[in-house]
Amino acid sequence: KERVAFAAPYPGKIIPLALDQLGPVLCQKNSYLCSAMGIDVNVAFTKRLGSGLFGGEGFILQKLTGDGLSFVHAGGTIHEVQLQAGEKLRVDTGCIVAFQESVEYNIEFVGSIRSALVGGEGLFFATLTGPGHVWLQSLPFSRLADRIYQAMPRQGGQQVGEGGILGTLLGGDR
């Protein structure tokens, strides 16, 4: 028996998906990690191209089909939701990791341009309508990257990169 190991690309959790029990699953293009043999990975698009273009996370999803295990990654904490028929869930588009094909996915405009610019809030929410299983994440990679960027040291109103600190110490960045 052979083994393989894989790791999450950034802090979070790896979610095993048993497609023989779940059926086809759609996932964000950056959440897919790997699959066992017998799994097909294809491109899937949101049903409404316009909503996908403006939804922040893009309109391209990955569709996982087959009868084995697939693994996806979620940043931060995982929240699993089982939607009943007709039950709706509105979430930030970046918080979606994966959902069963039976779940209807739509992106809608919320708020105003002013609230997005002044309050830093997104303009789009995804509406997921059941029935089906949904996996959400508390810390999408884009949000983690933004927090790291904001925490980087600054000098004179400019970001200081790796070479910048050393250059400053040696007097080279003047």
N, C-alpha and C. Protein backbone atom coordinates (compact mmCIF):
# COMPACT_ATOMS: atom_id res chain seq x y z
N LYS A 1 0.85 -1.18 0.00
CA LYS A 1 0.00 0.00 0.00
C LYS A 1 0.89 1.24 0.00
N GLU A 2 0.65 2.13 -0.93
CA GLU A 2 1.45 3.35 -1.03
C GLU A 2 0.71 4.51 -0.38
N ARG A 3 1.48 5.49 0.05
CA ARG A 3 0.90 6.67 0.70
C ARG A 3 1.41 7.93 0.03
N VAL A 4 0.62 8.94 0.14
CA VAL A 4 1.01 10.26 -0.36
C VAL A 4 0.64 11.28 0.72
N ALA A 5 1.42 12.31 0.81
CA ALA A 5 1.14 13.36 1.80
C ALA A 5 0.98 14.69 1.07
N PHE A 6 0.12 15.52 1.58
CA PHE A 6 -0.06 16.86 1.04
C PHE A 6 -0.39 17.79 2.19
N ALA A 7 -0.17 19.06 1.97
CA ALA A 7 -0.37 20.04 3.04
C ALA A 7 -1.18 21.22 2.53
N ALA A 8 -1.77 21.92 3.45
CA ALA A 8 -2.53 23.13 3.12
C ALA A 8 -1.56 24.22 2.68
N PRO A 9 -1.94 25.03 1.70
CA PRO A 9 -1.05 26.08 1.21
C PRO A 9 -0.91 27.27 2.16
N TYR A 10 -1.82 27.44 3.09
CA TYR A 10 -1.77 28.49 4.11
C TYR A 10 -2.64 28.02 5.29
N PRO A 11 -2.58 28.70 6.45
CA PRO A 11 -3.29 28.20 7.64
C PRO A 11 -4.77 27.96 7.38
N GLY A 12 -5.22 26.82 7.79
CA GLY A 12 -6.61 26.45 7.60
C GLY A 12 -6.79 24.96 7.80
N LYS A 13 -7.80 24.42 7.16
CA LYS A 13 -8.14 23.00 7.30
C LYS A 13 -8.29 22.37 5.92
N ILE A 14 -8.02 21.07 5.86
CA ILE A 14 -8.25 20.30 4.65
C ILE A 14 -9.55 19.52 4.85
N ILE A 15 -10.44 19.61 3.86
CA ILE A 15 -11.75 18.97 3.94
C ILE A 15 -11.78 17.79 2.97
N PRO A 16 -11.99 16.56 3.47
CA PRO A 16 -12.16 15.42 2.56
C PRO A 16 -13.61 15.38 2.07
N LEU A 17 -13.79 15.17 0.78
CA LEU A 17 -15.12 15.10 0.19
C LEU A 17 -15.29 13.72 -0.44
N ALA A 18 -16.20 12.92 0.08
CA ALA A 18 -16.49 11.58 -0.46
C ALA A 18 -17.54 11.74 -1.55
N LEU A 19 -17.09 11.86 -2.79
CA LEU A 19 -18.00 12.15 -3.89
C LEU A 19 -18.96 11.00 -4.18
N ASP A 20 -18.62 9.78 -3.78
CA ASP A 20 -19.55 8.67 -3.97
C ASP A 20 -20.80 8.86 -3.11
N GLN A 21 -20.70 9.62 -2.03
CA GLN A 21 -21.85 9.90 -1.17
C GLN A 21 -22.48 11.26 -1.47
N LEU A 22 -21.65 12.24 -1.84
CA LEU A 22 -22.12 13.61 -2.04
C LEU A 22 -22.60 13.89 -3.46
N GLY A 23 -22.11 13.15 -4.43
CA GLY A 23 -22.36 13.47 -5.82
C GLY A 23 -21.43 14.58 -6.25
N PRO A 24 -21.66 15.18 -7.42
CA PRO A 24 -20.77 16.25 -7.89
C PRO A 24 -20.72 17.43 -6.93
N VAL A 25 -19.53 18.00 -6.79
CA VAL A 25 -19.31 19.15 -5.91
C VAL A 25 -18.62 20.25 -6.71
N LEU A 26 -19.05 21.49 -6.51
CA LEU A 26 -18.41 22.65 -7.12
C LEU A 26 -17.58 23.34 -6.05
N CYS A 27 -16.36 23.76 -6.42
CA CYS A 27 -15.51 24.44 -5.45
C CYS A 27 -14.84 25.65 -6.08
N GLN A 28 -14.43 26.60 -5.24
CA GLN A 28 -13.68 27.76 -5.72
C GLN A 28 -12.39 27.25 -6.33
N LYS A 29 -11.93 27.91 -7.38
CA LYS A 29 -10.75 27.43 -8.10
C LYS A 29 -9.50 27.37 -7.24
N ASN A 30 -9.40 28.17 -6.20
CA ASN A 30 -8.21 28.16 -5.35
C ASN A 30 -8.32 27.22 -4.15
N SER A 31 -9.46 26.55 -3.98
CA SER A 31 -9.61 25.68 -2.81
C SER A 31 -9.28 24.22 -3.11
N TYR A 32 -9.32 23.81 -4.37
CA TYR A 32 -9.06 22.41 -4.72
C TYR A 32 -7.60 22.04 -4.47
N LEU A 33 -7.36 20.91 -3.78
CA LEU A 33 -6.00 20.42 -3.52
C LEU A 33 -5.65 19.21 -4.37
N CYS A 34 -6.40 18.12 -4.22
CA CYS A 34 -6.07 16.89 -4.95
C CYS A 34 -7.24 15.91 -4.84
N SER A 35 -7.13 14.83 -5.61
CA SER A 35 -8.16 13.80 -5.62
C SER A 35 -7.53 12.43 -5.80
N ALA A 36 -8.29 11.41 -5.42
CA ALA A 36 -7.90 10.03 -5.70
C ALA A 36 -8.23 9.73 -7.16
N MET A 37 -7.70 8.61 -7.65
CA MET A 37 -8.03 8.20 -9.02
C MET A 37 -9.53 8.02 -9.14
N GLY A 38 -10.04 8.27 -10.32
CA GLY A 38 -11.47 8.12 -10.54
C GLY A 38 -12.25 9.41 -10.37
N ILE A 39 -11.56 10.50 -10.09
CA ILE A 39 -12.22 11.80 -9.95
C ILE A 39 -11.87 12.66 -11.15
N ASP A 40 -12.88 13.25 -11.75
CA ASP A 40 -12.68 14.20 -12.85
C ASP A 40 -12.79 15.61 -12.31
N VAL A 41 -11.87 16.46 -12.72
CA VAL A 41 -11.88 17.88 -12.34
C VAL A 41 -12.08 18.68 -13.61
N ASN A 42 -13.18 19.40 -13.67
CA ASN A 42 -13.50 20.20 -14.85
C ASN A 42 -13.83 21.62 -14.45
N VAL A 43 -13.90 22.48 -15.43
CA VAL A 43 -14.26 23.88 -15.21
C VAL A 43 -15.78 24.00 -15.24
N ALA A 44 -16.32 24.77 -14.32
CA ALA A 44 -17.75 25.06 -14.29
C ALA A 44 -17.90 26.57 -14.17
N PHE A 45 -18.92 27.11 -14.79
CA PHE A 45 -19.17 28.55 -14.75
C PHE A 45 -20.43 28.82 -13.95
N THR A 46 -20.51 30.03 -13.36
CA THR A 46 -21.76 30.40 -12.72
C THR A 46 -22.80 30.52 -13.82
N LYS A 47 -24.05 30.34 -13.46
CA LYS A 47 -25.11 30.36 -14.46
C LYS A 47 -25.30 31.74 -15.07
N ARG A 48 -24.98 32.77 -14.30
CA ARG A 48 -25.12 34.14 -14.79
C ARG A 48 -23.74 34.75 -14.92
N LEU A 49 -23.28 34.89 -16.15
CA LEU A 49 -21.92 35.37 -16.40
C LEU A 49 -21.68 36.75 -15.81
N GLY A 50 -22.64 37.67 -15.93
CA GLY A 50 -22.45 39.02 -15.41
C GLY A 50 -22.23 39.04 -13.91
N SER A 51 -23.00 38.23 -13.19
CA SER A 51 -22.84 38.21 -11.74
C SER A 51 -21.48 37.66 -11.36
N GLY A 52 -21.00 36.70 -12.10
CA GLY A 52 -19.70 36.13 -11.79
C GLY A 52 -18.56 37.09 -12.05
N LEU A 53 -18.68 37.88 -13.11
CA LEU A 53 -17.61 38.81 -13.44
C LEU A 53 -17.42 39.85 -12.36
N PHE A 54 -18.51 40.23 -11.70
CA PHE A 54 -18.42 41.31 -10.73
C PHE A 54 -18.47 40.82 -9.29
N GLY A 55 -18.38 39.53 -9.06
CA GLY A 55 -18.52 38.99 -7.72
C GLY A 55 -17.26 38.93 -6.90
N GLY A 56 -16.16 39.42 -7.40
CA GLY A 56 -14.94 39.47 -6.61
C GLY A 56 -14.10 38.22 -6.70
N GLU A 57 -14.70 37.05 -6.59
CA GLU A 57 -13.94 35.81 -6.62
C GLU A 57 -13.94 35.20 -8.01
N GLY A 58 -14.54 35.85 -8.98
CA GLY A 58 -14.55 35.33 -10.34
C GLY A 58 -15.72 34.40 -10.57
N PHE A 59 -15.93 34.04 -11.82
CA PHE A 59 -17.08 33.22 -12.15
C PHE A 59 -16.69 31.79 -12.47
N ILE A 60 -15.42 31.46 -12.44
CA ILE A 60 -14.98 30.11 -12.75
C ILE A 60 -14.89 29.29 -11.47
N LEU A 61 -15.57 28.16 -11.49
CA LEU A 61 -15.52 27.21 -10.39
C LEU A 61 -14.94 25.91 -10.93
N GLN A 62 -14.58 25.00 -10.04
CA GLN A 62 -14.13 23.68 -10.46
C GLN A 62 -15.20 22.67 -10.06
N LYS A 63 -15.53 21.78 -11.01
CA LYS A 63 -16.53 20.76 -10.76
C LYS A 63 -15.82 19.43 -10.55
N LEU A 64 -16.06 18.81 -9.40
CA LEU A 64 -15.46 17.54 -9.05
C LEU A 64 -16.51 16.45 -9.19
N THR A 65 -16.24 15.44 -10.02
CA THR A 65 -17.18 14.34 -10.21
C THR A 65 -16.43 13.02 -10.12
N GLY A 66 -17.14 11.97 -9.75
CA GLY A 66 -16.53 10.65 -9.66
C GLY A 66 -17.01 9.92 -8.43
N ASP A 67 -16.27 8.86 -8.08
CA ASP A 67 -16.72 8.03 -6.97
C ASP A 67 -15.66 7.82 -5.89
N GLY A 68 -14.74 8.74 -5.77
CA GLY A 68 -13.68 8.62 -4.77
C GLY A 68 -13.60 9.84 -3.89
N LEU A 69 -12.42 10.03 -3.30
CA LEU A 69 -12.18 11.16 -2.41
C LEU A 69 -11.52 12.32 -3.13
N SER A 70 -11.98 13.52 -2.80
CA SER A 70 -11.33 14.76 -3.22
C SER A 70 -11.03 15.55 -1.96
N PHE A 71 -10.05 16.43 -2.05
CA PHE A 71 -9.67 17.24 -0.90
C PHE A 71 -9.63 18.70 -1.30
N VAL A 72 -10.27 19.54 -0.48
CA VAL A 72 -10.26 20.98 -0.71
C VAL A 72 -9.72 21.65 0.56
N HIS A 73 -9.25 22.87 0.41
CA HIS A 73 -8.66 23.61 1.53
C HIS A 73 -9.54 24.80 1.87
N ALA A 74 -9.72 25.02 3.17
CA ALA A 74 -10.47 26.18 3.66
C ALA A 74 -9.56 26.97 4.59
N GLY A 75 -9.50 28.28 4.40
CA GLY A 75 -8.70 29.14 5.26
C GLY A 75 -9.42 29.45 6.55
N GLY A 76 -8.69 29.41 7.65
CA GLY A 76 -9.29 29.71 8.94
C GLY A 76 -10.12 28.54 9.43
N THR A 77 -11.34 28.83 9.86
CA THR A 77 -12.25 27.83 10.42
C THR A 77 -13.26 27.41 9.36
N ILE A 78 -13.64 26.14 9.39
CA ILE A 78 -14.64 25.61 8.46
C ILE A 78 -16.02 25.68 9.12
N HIS A 79 -17.00 26.07 8.32
CA HIS A 79 -18.39 26.04 8.78
C HIS A 79 -19.17 25.25 7.74
N GLU A 80 -19.75 24.13 8.15
CA GLU A 80 -20.53 23.30 7.24
C GLU A 80 -22.01 23.57 7.45
N VAL A 81 -22.72 23.71 6.35
CA VAL A 81 -24.16 24.01 6.42
C VAL A 81 -24.89 23.01 5.52
N GLN A 82 -25.97 22.44 6.04
CA GLN A 82 -26.84 21.58 5.25
C GLN A 82 -28.11 22.37 4.96
N LEU A 83 -28.24 22.86 3.73
CA LEU A 83 -29.41 23.65 3.35
C LEU A 83 -30.57 22.73 2.99
N GLN A 84 -31.75 23.05 3.48
CA GLN A 84 -32.96 22.33 3.12
C GLN A 84 -33.47 22.89 1.79
N ALA A 85 -34.39 22.20 1.16
CA ALA A 85 -34.95 22.66 -0.12
C ALA A 85 -35.53 24.06 0.04
N GLY A 86 -35.09 24.99 -0.79
CA GLY A 86 -35.58 26.36 -0.76
C GLY A 86 -34.93 27.26 0.28
N GLU A 87 -34.16 26.70 1.20
CA GLU A 87 -33.49 27.50 2.22
C GLU A 87 -32.35 28.29 1.58
N LYS A 88 -32.25 29.57 1.96
CA LYS A 88 -31.24 30.46 1.37
C LYS A 88 -30.19 30.85 2.39
N LEU A 89 -28.97 31.02 1.89
CA LEU A 89 -27.85 31.46 2.71
C LEU A 89 -27.12 32.53 1.92
N ARG A 90 -26.94 33.72 2.52
CA ARG A 90 -26.21 34.81 1.87
C ARG A 90 -24.87 34.97 2.57
N VAL A 91 -23.78 34.90 1.79
CA VAL A 91 -22.43 34.98 2.36
C VAL A 91 -21.52 35.79 1.44
N ASP A 92 -20.42 36.26 2.01
CA ASP A 92 -19.36 36.90 1.24
C ASP A 92 -18.87 35.88 0.21
N THR A 93 -18.69 36.30 -1.03
CA THR A 93 -18.29 35.37 -2.09
C THR A 93 -16.98 34.65 -1.77
N GLY A 94 -16.05 35.32 -1.10
CA GLY A 94 -14.77 34.71 -0.78
C GLY A 94 -14.83 33.65 0.29
N CYS A 95 -15.94 33.60 1.03
CA CYS A 95 -16.06 32.62 2.12
C CYS A 95 -16.54 31.25 1.65
N ILE A 96 -16.95 31.15 0.39
CA ILE A 96 -17.41 29.86 -0.13
C ILE A 96 -16.21 29.01 -0.50
N VAL A 97 -16.19 27.78 0.01
CA VAL A 97 -15.16 26.82 -0.36
C VAL A 97 -15.72 25.87 -1.40
N ALA A 98 -16.85 25.24 -1.09
CA ALA A 98 -17.44 24.25 -1.99
C ALA A 98 -18.91 24.07 -1.66
N PHE A 99 -19.65 23.48 -2.62
CA PHE A 99 -21.06 23.17 -2.40
C PHE A 99 -21.48 22.08 -3.36
N GLN A 100 -22.50 21.31 -2.96
CA GLN A 100 -23.01 20.26 -3.83
C GLN A 100 -23.65 20.88 -5.06
N GLU A 101 -23.64 20.12 -6.15
CA GLU A 101 -24.19 20.60 -7.41
C GLU A 101 -25.68 20.93 -7.30
N SER A 102 -26.38 20.33 -6.36
CA SER A 102 -27.81 20.58 -6.17
C SER A 102 -28.09 21.98 -5.62
N VAL A 103 -27.07 22.66 -5.09
CA VAL A 103 -27.24 24.00 -4.53
C VAL A 103 -27.19 25.03 -5.65
N GLU A 104 -28.18 25.92 -5.68
CA GLU A 104 -28.20 27.01 -6.67
C GLU A 104 -27.30 28.14 -6.18
N TYR A 105 -26.46 28.65 -7.07
CA TYR A 105 -25.45 29.66 -6.73
C TYR A 105 -25.70 30.91 -7.54
N ASN A 106 -25.83 32.05 -6.86
CA ASN A 106 -26.02 33.32 -7.56
C ASN A 106 -25.27 34.40 -6.79
N ILE A 107 -24.82 35.41 -7.51
CA ILE A 107 -24.12 36.53 -6.88
C ILE A 107 -24.98 37.77 -7.07
N GLU A 108 -25.16 38.53 -5.98
CA GLU A 108 -25.99 39.73 -6.08
C GLU A 108 -25.27 40.95 -5.52
N PHE A 109 -25.61 42.09 -6.06
CA PHE A 109 -25.06 43.38 -5.65
C PHE A 109 -25.76 43.81 -4.37
N VAL A 110 -24.97 44.24 -3.38
CA VAL A 110 -25.53 44.75 -2.13
C VAL A 110 -24.78 46.01 -1.73
N GLY A 111 -25.40 46.82 -0.92
CA GLY A 111 -24.74 48.03 -0.44
C GLY A 111 -24.64 49.08 -1.53
N SER A 112 -23.65 49.94 -1.38
CA SER A 112 -23.44 51.01 -2.34
C SER A 112 -21.95 51.18 -2.59
N ILE A 113 -21.62 51.90 -3.63
CA ILE A 113 -20.21 52.16 -3.93
C ILE A 113 -19.60 52.94 -2.76
N ARG A 114 -20.36 53.86 -2.18
CA ARG A 114 -19.84 54.65 -1.06
C ARG A 114 -19.48 53.74 0.12
N SER A 115 -20.36 52.79 0.45
CA SER A 115 -20.06 51.90 1.58
C SER A 115 -18.85 51.02 1.29
N ALA A 116 -18.65 50.67 0.03
CA ALA A 116 -17.49 49.85 -0.33
C ALA A 116 -16.20 50.65 -0.20
N LEU A 117 -16.24 51.91 -0.63
CA LEU A 117 -15.03 52.73 -0.60
C LEU A 117 -14.72 53.24 0.80
N VAL A 118 -15.74 53.68 1.52
CA VAL A 118 -15.53 54.26 2.85
C VAL A 118 -15.45 53.18 3.92
N GLY A 119 -16.35 52.21 3.86
CA GLY A 119 -16.40 51.20 4.92
C GLY A 119 -15.53 49.99 4.68
N GLY A 120 -14.99 49.85 3.46
CA GLY A 120 -14.14 48.71 3.17
C GLY A 120 -14.89 47.41 2.99
N GLU A 121 -16.21 47.49 2.89
CA GLU A 121 -17.01 46.28 2.74
C GLU A 121 -17.15 45.94 1.26
N GLY A 122 -17.35 44.66 0.99
CA GLY A 122 -17.53 44.21 -0.38
C GLY A 122 -18.88 44.63 -0.92
N LEU A 123 -19.01 44.60 -2.22
CA LEU A 123 -20.25 44.98 -2.88
C LEU A 123 -21.13 43.78 -3.22
N PHE A 124 -20.62 42.58 -3.06
CA PHE A 124 -21.33 41.40 -3.55
C PHE A 124 -21.46 40.34 -2.48
N PHE A 125 -22.61 39.68 -2.51
CA PHE A 125 -22.84 38.51 -1.68
C PHE A 125 -23.24 37.37 -2.60
N ALA A 126 -22.90 36.17 -2.21
CA ALA A 126 -23.39 34.99 -2.91
C ALA A 126 -24.65 34.53 -2.20
N THR A 127 -25.63 34.17 -2.97
CA THR A 127 -26.83 33.56 -2.42
C THR A 127 -26.83 32.10 -2.82
N LEU A 128 -26.83 31.24 -1.83
CA LEU A 128 -26.86 29.79 -2.05
C LEU A 128 -28.23 29.29 -1.63
N THR A 129 -28.90 28.57 -2.52
CA THR A 129 -30.25 28.07 -2.24
C THR A 129 -30.24 26.55 -2.28
N GLY A 130 -30.77 25.93 -1.21
CA GLY A 130 -30.77 24.48 -1.09
C GLY A 130 -31.79 23.80 -1.95
N PRO A 131 -31.69 22.50 -1.99
CA PRO A 131 -31.06 21.63 -1.01
C PRO A 131 -29.59 21.35 -1.32
N GLY A 132 -28.86 21.01 -0.25
CA GLY A 132 -27.49 20.57 -0.44
C GLY A 132 -26.55 21.04 0.64
N HIS A 133 -25.36 20.50 0.58
CA HIS A 133 -24.32 20.77 1.57
C HIS A 133 -23.41 21.89 1.07
N VAL A 134 -23.02 22.80 1.99
CA VAL A 134 -22.15 23.94 1.67
C VAL A 134 -21.02 23.97 2.69
N TRP A 135 -19.80 24.23 2.22
CA TRP A 135 -18.63 24.39 3.10
C TRP A 135 -18.14 25.82 2.98
N LEU A 136 -18.02 26.51 4.12
CA LEU A 136 -17.59 27.90 4.16
C LEU A 136 -16.28 28.02 4.93
N GLN A 137 -15.54 29.10 4.66
CA GLN A 137 -14.28 29.37 5.37
C GLN A 137 -14.35 30.74 6.02
N SER A 138 -13.67 30.89 7.15
CA SER A 138 -13.69 32.17 7.85
C SER A 138 -12.60 33.12 7.36
N LEU A 139 -11.56 32.59 6.71
CA LEU A 139 -10.44 33.43 6.31
C LEU A 139 -9.98 33.10 4.89
N PRO A 140 -10.65 33.67 3.87
CA PRO A 140 -10.20 33.45 2.49
C PRO A 140 -8.78 33.97 2.30
N PHE A 141 -8.05 33.37 1.36
CA PHE A 141 -6.66 33.76 1.14
C PHE A 141 -6.52 35.24 0.84
N SER A 142 -7.43 35.80 0.05
CA SER A 142 -7.34 37.23 -0.30
C SER A 142 -7.41 38.10 0.95
N ARG A 143 -8.22 37.72 1.92
CA ARG A 143 -8.33 38.47 3.17
C ARG A 143 -7.07 38.31 4.01
N LEU A 144 -6.51 37.09 4.05
CA LEU A 144 -5.26 36.85 4.77
C LEU A 144 -4.13 37.67 4.17
N ALA A 145 -4.02 37.65 2.84
CA ALA A 145 -2.97 38.41 2.16
C ALA A 145 -3.11 39.90 2.45
N ASP A 146 -4.33 40.41 2.46
CA ASP A 146 -4.56 41.82 2.74
C ASP A 146 -4.13 42.16 4.17
N ARG A 147 -4.44 41.29 5.11
CA ARG A 147 -4.04 41.54 6.51
C ARG A 147 -2.53 41.50 6.68
N ILE A 148 -1.86 40.60 5.98
CA ILE A 148 -0.40 40.55 6.05
C ILE A 148 0.19 41.82 5.45
N TYR A 149 -0.35 42.24 4.31
CA TYR A 149 0.13 43.46 3.66
C TYR A 149 -0.04 44.67 4.59
N GLN A 150 -1.20 44.76 5.23
CA GLN A 150 -1.46 45.89 6.13
C GLN A 150 -0.53 45.88 7.35
N ALA A 151 -0.07 44.70 7.76
CA ALA A 151 0.79 44.59 8.94
C ALA A 151 2.27 44.79 8.62
N MET A 152 2.62 44.88 7.34
CA MET A 152 4.03 45.03 6.98
C MET A 152 4.57 46.35 7.50
N PRO A 153 5.86 46.38 7.90
CA PRO A 153 6.46 47.63 8.38
C PRO A 153 6.48 48.68 7.27
N ARG A 154 6.34 49.91 7.65
CA ARG A 154 6.35 51.02 6.69
C ARG A 154 7.44 52.00 7.08
N GLN A 155 7.98 52.67 6.08
CA GLN A 155 9.01 53.68 6.33
C GLN A 155 8.71 54.87 5.43
N GLY A 156 8.48 55.99 6.03
CA GLY A 156 8.22 57.20 5.24
C GLY A 156 7.01 57.09 4.34
N GLY A 157 5.98 56.37 4.80
CA GLY A 157 4.76 56.23 4.02
C GLY A 157 4.86 55.16 2.94
N GLN A 158 5.99 54.48 2.83
CA GLN A 158 6.15 53.44 1.82
C GLN A 158 6.34 52.10 2.50
N GLN A 159 5.89 51.04 1.82
CA GLN A 159 6.11 49.70 2.33
C GLN A 159 7.60 49.39 2.28
N VAL A 160 8.09 48.67 3.27
CA VAL A 160 9.49 48.25 3.29
C VAL A 160 9.51 46.77 2.99
N GLY A 161 10.14 46.39 1.89
CA GLY A 161 10.24 44.98 1.52
C GLY A 161 11.40 44.32 2.21
N GLU A 162 11.65 43.04 1.87
CA GLU A 162 12.74 42.31 2.51
C GLU A 162 14.07 43.01 2.33
N GLY A 163 14.38 43.39 1.10
CA GLY A 163 15.65 44.06 0.83
C GLY A 163 15.67 45.48 1.37
N GLY A 164 14.48 46.07 1.54
CA GLY A 164 14.39 47.45 2.00
C GLY A 164 14.92 47.64 3.40
N ILE A 165 14.64 46.72 4.29
CA ILE A 165 15.11 46.84 5.67
C ILE A 165 16.63 46.74 5.70
N LEU A 166 17.18 45.74 5.01
CA LEU A 166 18.63 45.58 4.97
C LEU A 166 19.27 46.78 4.29
N GLY A 167 18.64 47.24 3.22
CA GLY A 167 19.18 48.40 2.51
C GLY A 167 19.20 49.63 3.39
N THR A 168 18.18 49.80 4.22
CA THR A 168 18.13 50.93 5.13
C THR A 168 19.23 50.82 6.18
N LEU A 169 19.44 49.63 6.70
CA LEU A 169 20.49 49.44 7.70
C LEU A 169 21.87 49.75 7.13
N LEU A 170 22.07 49.41 5.87
CA LEU A 170 23.37 49.63 5.24
C LEU A 170 23.46 50.98 4.55
N GLY A 171 22.39 51.76 4.61
CA GLY A 171 22.40 53.10 4.02
C GLY A 171 22.20 53.10 2.52
N GLY A 172 21.68 52.01 1.97
CA GLY A 172 21.54 51.92 0.52
C GLY A 172 20.22 52.43 -0.02
N ASP A 173 19.21 52.65 0.81
CA ASP A 173 17.89 53.07 0.33
C ASP A 173 17.64 54.54 0.57
N ARG A 174 18.60 55.39 0.32
CA ARG A 174 18.41 56.82 0.58
C ARG A 174 18.15 57.57 -0.69
